[in-house]
Amino acid sequence: RLMSQRQIILQALKDAGPDRGVHGFEWDAQGIKRYASRIHELKALGYTITSTHEALTPGGAIGARYRLMAEPVVPQVEPLIQDGDDDQVHEQFAMLSELAFTPARKHWQDEAA
């Protein structure tokens, strides 16, 4: 399965670690041209990514080095139904089945009744 550019960038940041980071020119050399947009998307998803402006090589052109500092915290959600609670499972299934198989009424049908 092919990885998206966002997945490639995220994996590169993880592999490099926060001390080294990844310079944008490294992605540019791999053919990933819109890396700043992918970084923006990752930040919007909750990743903490810093950037510093620096040269990739001494005396070279200035670009940005990105560092993954933290990943999003996924909240732990308690399950609605506990393992082994068969009565609750059957009750929830019956309620969902009733909703799924009840024919929908159009608003004009309600007015005519």
Protein backbone atom coordinates (compact mmCIF):
# COMPACT_ATOMS: atom_id res chain seq x y z
CA ARG A 1 0.00 0.00 0.00
CA LEU A 2 1.35 3.40 -0.96
CA MET A 3 1.82 6.00 1.75
CA SER A 4 0.42 9.50 1.35
CA GLN A 5 2.79 12.46 1.45
CA ARG A 6 1.46 13.30 4.90
CA GLN A 7 2.24 9.76 6.11
CA ILE A 8 5.73 9.92 4.58
CA ILE A 9 6.42 13.25 6.27
CA LEU A 10 5.11 12.06 9.64
CA GLN A 11 7.18 8.88 9.48
CA ALA A 12 10.31 10.86 8.53
CA LEU A 13 9.76 13.20 11.50
CA LYS A 14 9.32 10.23 13.84
CA ASP A 15 12.42 8.48 12.46
CA ALA A 16 14.57 11.62 12.73
CA GLY A 17 13.52 12.40 16.30
CA PRO A 18 13.21 15.86 17.84
CA ASP A 19 16.98 16.46 18.05
CA ARG A 20 17.71 16.08 14.33
CA GLY A 21 14.37 16.84 12.70
CA VAL A 22 13.99 16.95 8.94
CA HIS A 23 15.00 19.86 6.72
CA GLY A 24 12.45 20.82 4.07
CA PHE A 25 15.10 20.59 1.37
CA GLU A 26 15.39 16.85 2.14
CA TRP A 27 11.73 16.35 1.23
CA ASP A 28 12.17 18.63 -1.78
CA ALA A 29 14.96 16.33 -3.01
CA GLN A 30 12.56 13.36 -2.68
CA GLY A 31 9.98 15.10 -4.86
CA ILE A 32 7.70 16.17 -2.02
CA LYS A 33 7.10 19.79 -2.98
CA ARG A 34 4.19 20.85 -0.72
CA TYR A 35 5.67 19.69 2.57
CA ALA A 36 4.72 22.93 4.37
CA SER A 37 1.05 22.22 3.60
CA ARG A 38 1.39 18.67 4.93
CA ILE A 39 3.06 20.04 8.11
CA HIS A 40 0.12 22.45 8.50
CA GLU A 41 -2.31 19.51 8.18
CA LEU A 42 -0.41 17.51 10.79
CA LYS A 43 -0.50 20.47 13.19
CA ALA A 44 -4.26 20.75 12.61
CA LEU A 45 -4.54 17.06 13.58
CA GLY A 46 -2.88 17.82 16.91
CA TYR A 47 0.80 17.09 16.24
CA THR A 48 3.22 19.54 17.85
CA ILE A 49 5.80 20.38 15.19
CA THR A 50 8.35 23.16 15.48
CA SER A 51 10.33 24.78 12.71
CA THR A 52 13.58 26.71 12.64
CA HIS A 53 15.09 28.55 9.70
CA GLU A 54 18.56 27.28 8.90
CA ALA A 55 20.78 26.15 6.06
CA LEU A 56 20.87 22.47 5.18
CA THR A 57 24.59 22.73 4.51
CA PRO A 58 27.07 25.34 5.77
CA GLY A 59 26.79 28.42 3.58
CA GLY A 60 23.81 26.95 1.72
CA ALA A 61 20.36 28.37 1.14
CA ILE A 62 18.14 28.94 4.16
CA GLY A 63 15.13 26.68 4.60
CA ALA A 64 13.09 25.25 7.46
CA ARG A 65 13.97 22.30 9.68
CA TYR A 66 10.90 20.63 11.18
CA ARG A 67 10.86 18.69 14.44
CA LEU A 68 8.06 16.51 15.82
CA MET A 69 7.85 17.38 19.51
CA ALA A 70 4.63 15.58 20.51
CA GLU A 71 1.87 13.48 19.03
CA PRO A 72 -1.82 14.14 19.66
CA VAL A 73 -3.26 12.75 22.85
CA VAL A 74 -6.08 10.35 22.08
CA PRO A 75 -8.70 10.47 24.84
CA GLN A 76 -9.50 7.14 26.42
CA VAL A 77 -13.22 6.44 26.09
CA GLU A 78 -14.92 3.87 28.25
CA PRO A 79 -16.93 1.35 26.24
CA LEU A 80 -20.68 1.82 26.36
CA ILE A 81 -21.18 -1.90 26.83
CA GLN A 82 -19.00 -3.91 29.18
CA ASP A 83 -17.76 -7.36 28.16
CA GLY A 84 -20.14 -10.08 29.21
CA ASP A 85 -23.16 -7.79 29.59
CA ASP A 86 -25.37 -9.76 27.19
CA ASP A 87 -28.64 -8.19 28.39
CA GLN A 88 -27.37 -4.72 27.55
CA VAL A 89 -26.12 -5.90 24.16
CA HIS A 90 -29.54 -7.37 23.31
CA GLU A 91 -31.32 -4.22 24.54
CA GLN A 92 -29.12 -1.94 22.41
CA PHE A 93 -29.51 -4.20 19.36
CA ALA A 94 -33.31 -4.26 19.74
CA MET A 95 -33.42 -0.47 19.93
CA LEU A 96 -31.22 -0.06 16.85
CA SER A 97 -33.20 -2.67 14.93
CA GLU A 98 -36.45 -0.88 15.70
CA LEU A 99 -34.99 2.40 14.41
CA ALA A 100 -33.55 0.77 11.31
CA PHE A 101 -36.75 -1.01 10.29
CA THR A 102 -39.34 1.66 11.15
CA PRO A 103 -40.53 3.23 7.89
CA ALA A 104 -39.91 6.95 7.67
CA ARG A 105 -42.96 9.19 7.31
CA LYS A 106 -42.91 12.23 5.09
CA HIS A 107 -43.97 15.52 6.70
CA TRP A 108 -46.97 15.80 4.35
CA GLN A 109 -48.20 12.38 5.49
CA ASP A 110 -48.30 13.65 9.11
CA GLU A 111 -50.42 16.67 8.04
CA ALA A 112 -52.92 14.50 6.17
CA ALA A 113 -53.50 12.15 9.10
